[in-house]
Amino acid sequence: RDYGLLLDYLYENGLNLFYGETIDDLPVDLVEDILMSDSNLKRKYTLDDFMTQLMICRECLPDSPSKVLHPIPECSMNVPLDYALWNSSKGGSDTVTRFVWNCLPVLPVKTPQTALVARFLMNYAVLFHRTSQSIGGTKKPDIGEDTIESIRDRNTKRQPFHKTMSWLHSRLRQSAKESRERND
């Protein structure tokens, strides 16, 4: 009973704004003022982010026109739109990031440009590693039994990242030496 009274109070004193018949009933200027009034909200969300999340939540309500009966997403799952687009398009870059962070370059001169070039080189090294793992595979994946995880584990045991980097390092040094000899 008390819980119901509390919900009624919250609904009548602000939440009713979000439960109008249409999305057009929402006072967008008021929502934007609220988002811009707090520095944490201002840094994290734009009005477009908020409106996108609101439309998703409205579609998840039991009386929505689409009749989709999914639970409403947790607030912590509300990610700004730009981040969500990046997360959905980046693919397996978390693995790339982990590899790159495990092999931080030691730069004699650290400027933004050298750090950027080193980062690009490390990304290409990871790409080379993944490609060489794929090409060097001795067993074809069995679609019926293998999982992505089992294939990755098999590839990592056969050719770990540090071995690829060691080989790449020696090849680059050899190429630099040969290039110097040709130019002398």
N, C-alpha and C. Protein backbone atom coordinates (compact mmCIF):
# COMPACT_ATOMS: atom_id res chain seq x y z
N ARG A 1 0.82 -1.19 0.00
CA ARG A 1 0.00 0.00 0.00
C ARG A 1 0.86 1.25 0.00
N ASP A 2 1.86 1.34 0.92
CA ASP A 2 2.74 2.51 0.97
C ASP A 2 3.56 2.62 -0.31
N TYR A 3 3.99 1.48 -0.83
CA TYR A 3 4.77 1.47 -2.06
C TYR A 3 3.94 2.04 -3.21
N GLY A 4 2.69 1.63 -3.29
CA GLY A 4 1.79 2.14 -4.33
C GLY A 4 1.59 3.64 -4.20
N LEU A 5 1.45 4.13 -2.98
CA LEU A 5 1.30 5.57 -2.76
C LEU A 5 2.56 6.32 -3.19
N LEU A 6 3.72 5.73 -2.90
CA LEU A 6 4.98 6.35 -3.31
C LEU A 6 5.06 6.42 -4.83
N LEU A 7 4.70 5.33 -5.52
CA LEU A 7 4.73 5.33 -6.98
C LEU A 7 3.76 6.36 -7.55
N ASP A 8 2.57 6.44 -6.96
CA ASP A 8 1.60 7.45 -7.42
C ASP A 8 2.16 8.86 -7.26
N TYR A 9 2.81 9.12 -6.11
CA TYR A 9 3.38 10.44 -5.85
C TYR A 9 4.46 10.78 -6.89
N LEU A 10 5.36 9.82 -7.15
CA LEU A 10 6.41 10.05 -8.13
C LEU A 10 5.84 10.28 -9.53
N TYR A 11 4.81 9.51 -9.85
CA TYR A 11 4.18 9.65 -11.17
C TYR A 11 3.56 11.05 -11.30
N GLU A 12 2.81 11.47 -10.32
CA GLU A 12 2.11 12.75 -10.39
C GLU A 12 3.07 13.94 -10.34
N ASN A 13 4.25 13.77 -9.76
CA ASN A 13 5.18 14.88 -9.57
C ASN A 13 6.38 14.85 -10.52
N GLY A 14 6.20 14.31 -11.69
CA GLY A 14 7.26 14.40 -12.67
C GLY A 14 7.32 13.27 -13.67
N LEU A 15 7.10 12.04 -13.24
CA LEU A 15 7.22 10.93 -14.17
C LEU A 15 6.10 10.90 -15.21
N ASN A 16 4.96 11.51 -14.89
CA ASN A 16 3.85 11.52 -15.85
C ASN A 16 4.22 12.21 -17.16
N LEU A 17 5.27 13.04 -17.14
CA LEU A 17 5.74 13.68 -18.38
C LEU A 17 6.13 12.65 -19.44
N PHE A 18 6.66 11.52 -18.97
CA PHE A 18 7.20 10.53 -19.90
C PHE A 18 6.17 9.48 -20.34
N TYR A 19 4.96 9.58 -19.85
CA TYR A 19 3.94 8.58 -20.17
C TYR A 19 2.78 9.17 -20.96
N GLY A 20 3.04 10.21 -21.74
CA GLY A 20 1.99 10.81 -22.56
C GLY A 20 1.55 9.86 -23.66
N GLU A 21 0.45 10.21 -24.32
CA GLU A 21 -0.07 9.38 -25.40
C GLU A 21 0.93 9.22 -26.53
N THR A 22 1.57 10.32 -26.89
CA THR A 22 2.57 10.26 -27.97
C THR A 22 3.85 10.90 -27.46
N ILE A 23 4.91 10.67 -28.18
CA ILE A 23 6.21 11.25 -27.83
C ILE A 23 6.17 12.77 -27.98
N ASP A 24 5.24 13.26 -28.81
CA ASP A 24 5.12 14.70 -29.02
C ASP A 24 4.60 15.43 -27.78
N ASP A 25 3.98 14.69 -26.84
CA ASP A 25 3.47 15.30 -25.62
C ASP A 25 4.59 15.68 -24.65
N LEU A 26 5.79 15.17 -24.88
CA LEU A 26 6.91 15.41 -23.96
C LEU A 26 7.43 16.83 -24.12
N PRO A 27 7.56 17.58 -23.01
CA PRO A 27 8.12 18.93 -23.10
C PRO A 27 9.64 18.86 -23.29
N VAL A 28 10.05 18.85 -24.54
CA VAL A 28 11.46 18.64 -24.91
C VAL A 28 12.35 19.73 -24.32
N ASP A 29 11.87 20.97 -24.32
CA ASP A 29 12.68 22.07 -23.77
C ASP A 29 12.98 21.85 -22.29
N LEU A 30 11.99 21.36 -21.55
CA LEU A 30 12.18 21.08 -20.12
C LEU A 30 13.22 19.97 -19.93
N VAL A 31 13.12 18.91 -20.71
CA VAL A 31 14.07 17.80 -20.61
C VAL A 31 15.48 18.29 -20.94
N GLU A 32 15.61 19.11 -21.98
CA GLU A 32 16.93 19.63 -22.35
C GLU A 32 17.50 20.50 -21.24
N ASP A 33 16.63 21.33 -20.62
CA ASP A 33 17.09 22.16 -19.50
C ASP A 33 17.58 21.29 -18.34
N ILE A 34 16.88 20.20 -18.06
CA ILE A 34 17.29 19.30 -16.98
C ILE A 34 18.64 18.66 -17.31
N LEU A 35 18.80 18.19 -18.55
CA LEU A 35 20.07 17.57 -18.95
C LEU A 35 21.23 18.56 -18.89
N MET A 36 20.99 19.80 -19.27
CA MET A 36 22.05 20.81 -19.29
C MET A 36 22.32 21.40 -17.92
N SER A 37 21.43 21.18 -16.94
CA SER A 37 21.59 21.79 -15.62
C SER A 37 22.61 21.05 -14.75
N ASP A 38 22.90 19.82 -15.05
CA ASP A 38 23.83 19.03 -14.25
C ASP A 38 25.07 18.72 -15.08
N SER A 39 26.26 19.00 -14.53
CA SER A 39 27.48 18.82 -15.31
C SER A 39 27.73 17.36 -15.68
N ASN A 40 27.37 16.41 -14.79
CA ASN A 40 27.55 14.99 -15.11
C ASN A 40 26.63 14.56 -16.25
N LEU A 41 25.37 14.99 -16.19
CA LEU A 41 24.43 14.65 -17.27
C LEU A 41 24.86 15.32 -18.58
N LYS A 42 25.29 16.56 -18.48
CA LYS A 42 25.69 17.31 -19.67
C LYS A 42 26.86 16.63 -20.38
N ARG A 43 27.82 16.10 -19.59
CA ARG A 43 28.97 15.42 -20.18
C ARG A 43 28.58 14.10 -20.82
N LYS A 44 27.59 13.42 -20.24
CA LYS A 44 27.28 12.06 -20.69
C LYS A 44 26.20 11.99 -21.77
N TYR A 45 25.18 12.83 -21.69
CA TYR A 45 24.03 12.69 -22.58
C TYR A 45 23.74 13.95 -23.37
N THR A 46 23.26 13.73 -24.58
CA THR A 46 22.67 14.83 -25.35
C THR A 46 21.17 14.59 -25.36
N LEU A 47 20.44 15.54 -25.85
CA LEU A 47 18.99 15.37 -25.94
C LEU A 47 18.64 14.20 -26.85
N ASP A 48 19.41 14.02 -27.94
CA ASP A 48 19.16 12.89 -28.84
C ASP A 48 19.35 11.55 -28.13
N ASP A 49 20.39 11.45 -27.30
CA ASP A 49 20.62 10.22 -26.53
C ASP A 49 19.42 9.92 -25.65
N PHE A 50 18.97 10.95 -24.94
CA PHE A 50 17.85 10.76 -24.02
C PHE A 50 16.59 10.35 -24.77
N MET A 51 16.30 11.03 -25.88
CA MET A 51 15.08 10.72 -26.63
C MET A 51 15.13 9.30 -27.20
N THR A 52 16.31 8.87 -27.66
CA THR A 52 16.45 7.50 -28.17
C THR A 52 16.14 6.49 -27.08
N GLN A 53 16.72 6.71 -25.89
CA GLN A 53 16.48 5.79 -24.77
C GLN A 53 15.01 5.81 -24.34
N LEU A 54 14.41 6.98 -24.36
CA LEU A 54 13.00 7.08 -23.99
C LEU A 54 12.12 6.30 -24.97
N MET A 55 12.41 6.42 -26.25
CA MET A 55 11.61 5.69 -27.24
C MET A 55 11.78 4.18 -27.09
N ILE A 56 13.02 3.74 -26.78
CA ILE A 56 13.24 2.31 -26.55
C ILE A 56 12.43 1.85 -25.35
N CYS A 57 12.48 2.60 -24.26
CA CYS A 57 11.73 2.22 -23.05
C CYS A 57 10.23 2.22 -23.30
N ARG A 58 9.74 3.21 -24.05
CA ARG A 58 8.30 3.26 -24.36
C ARG A 58 7.86 2.04 -25.16
N GLU A 59 8.71 1.57 -26.05
CA GLU A 59 8.39 0.38 -26.84
C GLU A 59 8.37 -0.88 -25.98
N CYS A 60 9.08 -0.86 -24.87
CA CYS A 60 9.13 -2.03 -23.99
C CYS A 60 7.97 -2.10 -23.01
N LEU A 61 7.19 -1.03 -22.90
CA LEU A 61 6.06 -1.02 -21.97
C LEU A 61 4.97 -1.98 -22.45
N PRO A 62 4.25 -2.60 -21.52
CA PRO A 62 3.23 -3.58 -21.91
C PRO A 62 2.14 -3.05 -22.84
N ASP A 63 1.77 -1.78 -22.70
CA ASP A 63 0.69 -1.25 -23.54
C ASP A 63 1.19 -0.51 -24.77
N SER A 64 2.44 -0.78 -25.19
CA SER A 64 2.97 -0.11 -26.37
C SER A 64 2.30 -0.67 -27.63
N PRO A 65 2.23 0.13 -28.70
CA PRO A 65 1.59 -0.34 -29.94
C PRO A 65 2.27 -1.57 -30.54
N SER A 66 3.59 -1.71 -30.33
CA SER A 66 4.29 -2.84 -30.94
C SER A 66 4.07 -4.15 -30.18
N LYS A 67 3.57 -4.08 -28.96
CA LYS A 67 3.30 -5.26 -28.12
C LYS A 67 4.56 -6.09 -27.86
N VAL A 68 5.73 -5.42 -27.90
CA VAL A 68 6.98 -6.09 -27.56
C VAL A 68 7.04 -6.17 -26.04
N LEU A 69 7.15 -7.37 -25.51
CA LEU A 69 7.14 -7.52 -24.05
C LEU A 69 8.52 -7.89 -23.54
N HIS A 70 9.46 -6.97 -23.69
CA HIS A 70 10.80 -7.15 -23.14
C HIS A 70 10.90 -6.29 -21.88
N PRO A 71 11.78 -6.68 -20.97
CA PRO A 71 11.95 -5.81 -19.79
C PRO A 71 12.57 -4.48 -20.18
N ILE A 72 12.26 -3.45 -19.43
CA ILE A 72 12.84 -2.14 -19.68
C ILE A 72 14.33 -2.22 -19.34
N PRO A 73 15.20 -1.68 -20.19
CA PRO A 73 16.64 -1.76 -19.92
C PRO A 73 17.02 -1.06 -18.62
N GLU A 74 18.05 -1.59 -17.96
CA GLU A 74 18.57 -0.95 -16.74
C GLU A 74 19.12 0.41 -17.10
N CYS A 75 19.09 1.32 -16.14
CA CYS A 75 19.63 2.66 -16.39
C CYS A 75 21.11 2.60 -16.76
N SER A 76 21.84 1.66 -16.16
CA SER A 76 23.27 1.58 -16.47
C SER A 76 23.52 1.15 -17.91
N MET A 77 22.50 0.58 -18.56
CA MET A 77 22.64 0.16 -19.95
C MET A 77 22.37 1.31 -20.92
N ASN A 78 21.90 2.43 -20.41
CA ASN A 78 21.64 3.60 -21.26
C ASN A 78 22.97 4.24 -21.62
N VAL A 79 23.42 3.96 -22.81
CA VAL A 79 24.71 4.45 -23.29
C VAL A 79 24.44 5.56 -24.29
N PRO A 80 25.22 6.64 -24.23
CA PRO A 80 25.02 7.70 -25.23
C PRO A 80 25.09 7.13 -26.64
N LEU A 81 24.31 7.71 -27.53
CA LEU A 81 24.15 7.19 -28.89
C LEU A 81 25.48 7.03 -29.63
N ASP A 82 26.36 8.03 -29.52
CA ASP A 82 27.66 7.95 -30.21
C ASP A 82 28.46 6.74 -29.71
N TYR A 83 28.45 6.49 -28.40
CA TYR A 83 29.16 5.35 -27.84
C TYR A 83 28.53 4.05 -28.30
N ALA A 84 27.20 4.00 -28.33
CA ALA A 84 26.51 2.78 -28.75
C ALA A 84 26.84 2.45 -30.20
N LEU A 85 26.86 3.48 -31.06
CA LEU A 85 27.21 3.25 -32.46
C LEU A 85 28.64 2.74 -32.59
N TRP A 86 29.56 3.33 -31.83
CA TRP A 86 30.94 2.87 -31.86
C TRP A 86 31.03 1.43 -31.36
N ASN A 87 30.37 1.13 -30.24
CA ASN A 87 30.43 -0.22 -29.67
C ASN A 87 29.89 -1.26 -30.63
N SER A 88 28.84 -0.91 -31.36
CA SER A 88 28.25 -1.90 -32.27
C SER A 88 29.06 -2.07 -33.55
N SER A 89 29.90 -1.09 -33.90
CA SER A 89 30.63 -1.20 -35.15
C SER A 89 32.10 -1.57 -34.98
N LYS A 90 32.60 -1.58 -33.75
CA LYS A 90 34.04 -1.77 -33.58
C LYS A 90 34.49 -3.22 -33.70
N GLY A 91 33.59 -4.16 -33.65
CA GLY A 91 33.97 -5.55 -33.81
C GLY A 91 34.83 -6.04 -32.66
N GLY A 92 35.90 -6.75 -32.99
CA GLY A 92 36.74 -7.35 -31.96
C GLY A 92 37.86 -6.47 -31.49
N SER A 93 37.65 -5.18 -31.43
CA SER A 93 38.75 -4.30 -31.09
C SER A 93 39.14 -4.37 -29.62
N ASP A 94 38.29 -4.94 -28.76
CA ASP A 94 38.70 -5.09 -27.37
C ASP A 94 39.91 -6.00 -27.28
N THR A 95 39.95 -7.03 -28.11
CA THR A 95 41.11 -7.92 -28.15
C THR A 95 42.32 -7.16 -28.67
N VAL A 96 42.12 -6.35 -29.69
CA VAL A 96 43.21 -5.55 -30.23
C VAL A 96 43.75 -4.62 -29.14
N THR A 97 42.85 -3.95 -28.43
CA THR A 97 43.27 -3.05 -27.36
C THR A 97 44.07 -3.80 -26.30
N ARG A 98 43.63 -4.99 -25.93
CA ARG A 98 44.35 -5.77 -24.93
C ARG A 98 45.75 -6.12 -25.42
N PHE A 99 45.87 -6.57 -26.67
CA PHE A 99 47.18 -6.89 -27.22
C PHE A 99 48.09 -5.65 -27.24
N VAL A 100 47.55 -4.53 -27.68
CA VAL A 100 48.34 -3.32 -27.79
C VAL A 100 48.81 -2.85 -26.41
N TRP A 101 47.92 -2.92 -25.42
CA TRP A 101 48.31 -2.49 -24.07
C TRP A 101 49.33 -3.43 -23.45
N ASN A 102 49.35 -4.69 -23.87
CA ASN A 102 50.35 -5.63 -23.36
C ASN A 102 51.71 -5.42 -24.01
N CYS A 103 51.79 -4.64 -25.07
CA CYS A 103 53.05 -4.39 -25.78
C CYS A 103 53.24 -2.89 -25.98
N LEU A 104 53.23 -2.16 -24.91
CA LEU A 104 53.38 -0.71 -25.04
C LEU A 104 54.77 -0.37 -25.60
N PRO A 105 54.83 0.48 -26.60
CA PRO A 105 56.13 0.81 -27.21
C PRO A 105 56.95 1.75 -26.33
N VAL A 106 58.24 1.59 -26.38
CA VAL A 106 59.16 2.51 -25.72
C VAL A 106 59.68 3.44 -26.79
N LEU A 107 59.30 4.69 -26.71
CA LEU A 107 59.65 5.65 -27.76
C LEU A 107 60.77 6.56 -27.28
N PRO A 108 61.82 6.73 -28.09
CA PRO A 108 62.90 7.63 -27.68
C PRO A 108 62.44 9.09 -27.62
N VAL A 109 61.55 9.46 -28.52
CA VAL A 109 60.97 10.80 -28.52
C VAL A 109 59.46 10.62 -28.50
N LYS A 110 58.82 11.08 -27.42
CA LYS A 110 57.38 10.87 -27.32
C LYS A 110 56.64 12.18 -27.59
N THR A 111 56.10 12.26 -28.77
CA THR A 111 55.24 13.37 -29.15
C THR A 111 53.89 12.77 -29.53
N PRO A 112 52.86 13.56 -29.66
CA PRO A 112 51.59 12.99 -30.09
C PRO A 112 51.70 12.23 -31.42
N GLN A 113 52.53 12.74 -32.33
CA GLN A 113 52.68 12.10 -33.63
C GLN A 113 53.35 10.73 -33.50
N THR A 114 54.43 10.65 -32.71
CA THR A 114 55.12 9.36 -32.58
C THR A 114 54.25 8.35 -31.84
N ALA A 115 53.50 8.83 -30.85
CA ALA A 115 52.60 7.92 -30.13
C ALA A 115 51.51 7.39 -31.06
N LEU A 116 51.00 8.26 -31.93
CA LEU A 116 49.97 7.85 -32.88
C LEU A 116 50.51 6.84 -33.88
N VAL A 117 51.70 7.10 -34.40
CA VAL A 117 52.31 6.17 -35.36
C VAL A 117 52.58 4.83 -34.68
N ALA A 118 53.08 4.87 -33.44
CA ALA A 118 53.34 3.62 -32.71
C ALA A 118 52.04 2.84 -32.50
N ARG A 119 50.97 3.56 -32.21
CA ARG A 119 49.67 2.90 -32.01
C ARG A 119 49.19 2.25 -33.31
N PHE A 120 49.32 2.97 -34.43
CA PHE A 120 48.94 2.40 -35.72
C PHE A 120 49.78 1.17 -36.04
N LEU A 121 51.08 1.25 -35.80
CA LEU A 121 51.95 0.09 -36.06
C LEU A 121 51.54 -1.10 -35.20
N MET A 122 51.19 -0.85 -33.95
CA MET A 122 50.76 -1.95 -33.08
C MET A 122 49.43 -2.54 -33.57
N ASN A 123 48.53 -1.70 -34.02
CA ASN A 123 47.26 -2.21 -34.56
C ASN A 123 47.51 -3.08 -35.79
N TYR A 124 48.44 -2.63 -36.66
CA TYR A 124 48.77 -3.43 -37.83
C TYR A 124 49.47 -4.73 -37.43
N ALA A 125 50.27 -4.68 -36.37
CA ALA A 125 50.93 -5.89 -35.89
C ALA A 125 49.90 -6.90 -35.39
N VAL A 126 48.87 -6.42 -34.70
CA VAL A 126 47.80 -7.32 -34.23
C VAL A 126 47.05 -7.89 -35.43
N LEU A 127 46.79 -7.06 -36.43
CA LEU A 127 46.13 -7.54 -37.64
C LEU A 127 46.98 -8.60 -38.33
N PHE A 128 48.28 -8.37 -38.40
CA PHE A 128 49.19 -9.35 -38.98
C PHE A 128 49.16 -10.66 -38.17
N HIS A 129 49.15 -10.53 -36.86
CA HIS A 129 49.11 -11.71 -35.98
C HIS A 129 47.83 -12.53 -36.24
N ARG A 130 46.70 -11.86 -36.26
CA ARG A 130 45.43 -12.57 -36.47
C ARG A 130 45.38 -13.22 -37.86
N THR A 131 45.90 -12.51 -38.85
CA THR A 131 45.92 -13.06 -40.21
C THR A 131 46.83 -14.27 -40.28
N SER A 132 48.01 -14.17 -39.69
CA SER A 132 48.93 -15.31 -39.73
C SER A 132 48.39 -16.49 -38.93
N GLN A 133 47.64 -16.23 -37.87
CA GLN A 133 46.99 -17.33 -37.15
C GLN A 133 45.97 -18.03 -38.04
N SER A 134 45.20 -17.24 -38.77
CA SER A 134 44.18 -17.82 -39.65
C SER A 134 44.79 -18.62 -40.78
N ILE A 135 45.83 -18.07 -41.38
CA ILE A 135 46.47 -18.75 -42.52
C ILE A 135 47.22 -19.99 -42.07
N GLY A 136 47.84 -19.92 -40.90
CA GLY A 136 48.67 -21.02 -40.43
C GLY A 136 47.92 -22.14 -39.74
N GLY A 137 46.62 -22.09 -39.73
CA GLY A 137 45.83 -23.13 -39.07
C GLY A 137 46.00 -24.48 -39.72
N THR A 138 46.21 -25.51 -38.90
CA THR A 138 46.41 -26.86 -39.45
C THR A 138 45.11 -27.65 -39.48
N LYS A 139 44.16 -27.28 -38.64
CA LYS A 139 42.90 -28.02 -38.58
C LYS A 139 41.77 -27.09 -39.02
N LYS A 140 40.97 -27.55 -39.96
CA LYS A 140 39.82 -26.76 -40.37
C LYS A 140 38.78 -26.78 -39.26
N PRO A 141 38.14 -25.65 -39.01
CA PRO A 141 37.09 -25.63 -37.99
C PRO A 141 35.93 -26.55 -38.36
N ASP A 142 35.43 -27.27 -37.36
CA ASP A 142 34.27 -28.12 -37.54
C ASP A 142 33.05 -27.34 -37.04
N ILE A 143 32.19 -26.95 -37.95
CA ILE A 143 31.05 -26.10 -37.61
C ILE A 143 30.15 -26.77 -36.58
N GLY A 144 30.05 -28.09 -36.62
CA GLY A 144 29.17 -28.80 -35.69
C GLY A 144 29.69 -28.87 -34.27
N GLU A 145 31.03 -28.86 -34.09
CA GLU A 145 31.61 -29.05 -32.76
C GLU A 145 32.37 -27.84 -32.24
N ASP A 146 33.08 -27.14 -33.11
CA ASP A 146 33.92 -26.03 -32.66
C ASP A 146 33.09 -24.81 -32.32
N THR A 147 33.57 -24.07 -31.33
CA THR A 147 33.01 -22.77 -31.00
C THR A 147 34.08 -21.73 -31.34
N ILE A 148 33.69 -20.48 -31.37
CA ILE A 148 34.66 -19.42 -31.63
C ILE A 148 35.74 -19.45 -30.57
N GLU A 149 35.34 -19.69 -29.33
CA GLU A 149 36.31 -19.74 -28.23
C GLU A 149 37.31 -20.88 -28.40
N SER A 150 36.84 -22.05 -28.80
CA SER A 150 37.76 -23.19 -28.97
C SER A 150 38.74 -22.93 -30.12
N ILE A 151 38.27 -22.30 -31.19
CA ILE A 151 39.16 -21.98 -32.32
C ILE A 151 40.21 -20.95 -31.89
N ARG A 152 39.78 -19.94 -31.14
CA ARG A 152 40.73 -18.92 -30.66
C ARG A 152 41.76 -19.55 -29.73
N ASP A 153 41.31 -20.41 -28.83
CA ASP A 153 42.25 -21.08 -27.91
C ASP A 153 43.27 -21.92 -28.68
N ARG A 154 42.80 -22.67 -29.67
CA ARG A 154 43.68 -23.51 -30.48
C ARG A 154 44.71 -22.64 -31.23
N ASN A 155 44.24 -21.53 -31.81
CA ASN A 155 45.15 -20.62 -32.52
C ASN A 155 46.17 -20.00 -31.58
N THR A 156 45.74 -19.60 -30.39
CA THR A 156 46.64 -18.97 -29.44
C THR A 156 47.69 -19.95 -28.93
N LYS A 157 47.29 -21.20 -28.72
CA LYS A 157 48.27 -22.20 -28.28
C LYS A 157 49.28 -22.50 -29.38
N ARG A 158 48.83 -22.52 -30.62
CA ARG A 158 49.70 -22.82 -31.75
C ARG A 158 50.65 -21.66 -32.03
N GLN A 159 50.13 -20.43 -31.98
CA GLN A 159 50.95 -19.27 -32.31
C GLN A 159 50.57 -18.10 -31.41
N PRO A 160 51.21 -17.98 -30.26
CA PRO A 160 50.90 -16.86 -29.37
C PRO A 160 51.41 -15.53 -29.92
N PHE A 161 50.86 -14.47 -29.40
CA PHE A 161 51.17 -13.13 -29.88
C PHE A 161 52.65 -12.80 -29.77
N HIS A 162 53.28 -13.18 -28.67
CA HIS A 162 54.69 -12.83 -28.48
C HIS A 162 55.59 -13.49 -29.53
N LYS A 163 55.23 -14.69 -30.01
CA LYS A 163 56.02 -15.32 -31.07
C LYS A 163 55.86 -14.57 -32.39
N THR A 164 54.66 -14.14 -32.68
CA THR A 164 54.43 -13.37 -33.90
C THR A 164 55.22 -12.07 -33.84
N MET A 165 55.19 -11.39 -32.68
CA MET A 165 55.92 -10.12 -32.54
C MET A 165 57.43 -10.34 -32.65
N SER A 166 57.92 -11.44 -32.09
CA SER A 166 59.35 -11.74 -32.18
C SER A 166 59.75 -11.97 -33.64
N TRP A 167 58.96 -12.73 -34.38
CA TRP A 167 59.24 -12.99 -35.79
C TRP A 167 59.18 -11.69 -36.59
N LEU A 168 58.13 -10.89 -36.33
CA LEU A 168 57.96 -9.63 -37.04
C LEU A 168 59.14 -8.70 -36.75
N HIS A 169 59.57 -8.64 -35.51
CA HIS A 169 60.70 -7.81 -35.12
C HIS A 169 61.96 -8.20 -35.88
N SER A 170 62.24 -9.50 -35.92
CA SER A 170 63.45 -9.96 -36.63
C SER A 170 63.36 -9.67 -38.13
N ARG A 171 62.17 -9.84 -38.73
CA ARG A 171 62.00 -9.56 -40.16
C ARG A 171 62.17 -8.07 -40.46
N LEU A 172 61.63 -7.21 -39.62
CA LEU A 172 61.77 -5.77 -39.84
C LEU A 172 63.22 -5.33 -39.70
N ARG A 173 63.91 -5.88 -38.70
CA ARG A 173 65.34 -5.55 -38.54
C ARG A 173 66.14 -6.03 -39.75
N GLN A 174 65.84 -7.23 -40.22
CA GLN A 174 66.53 -7.78 -41.40
C GLN A 174 66.28 -6.91 -42.63
N SER A 175 65.02 -6.48 -42.81
CA SER A 175 64.69 -5.62 -43.96
C SER A 175 65.41 -4.28 -43.87
N ALA A 176 65.49 -3.71 -42.66
CA ALA A 176 66.19 -2.43 -42.48
C ALA A 176 67.67 -2.60 -42.79
N LYS A 177 68.27 -3.71 -42.34
CA LYS A 177 69.69 -3.97 -42.60
C LYS A 177 69.94 -4.11 -44.10
N GLU A 178 69.09 -4.88 -44.79
CA GLU A 178 69.25 -5.06 -46.23
C GLU A 178 69.08 -3.74 -46.98
N SER A 179 68.15 -2.93 -46.53
CA SER A 179 67.91 -1.64 -47.17
C SER A 179 69.12 -0.72 -47.00
N ARG A 180 69.72 -0.71 -45.80
CA ARG A 180 70.91 0.09 -45.56
C ARG A 180 72.07 -0.38 -46.45
N GLU A 181 72.23 -1.68 -46.57
CA GLU A 181 73.33 -2.23 -47.38
C GLU A 181 73.15 -1.85 -48.85
N ARG A 182 71.91 -1.86 -49.34
CA ARG A 182 71.66 -1.48 -50.74
C ARG A 182 71.95 -0.01 -50.98
N ASN A 183 71.68 0.84 -49.98
CA ASN A 183 71.87 2.27 -50.15
C ASN A 183 73.31 2.72 -49.92
N ASP A 184 74.13 1.88 -49.32
CA ASP A 184 75.53 2.25 -49.07
C ASP A 184 76.41 2.02 -50.24
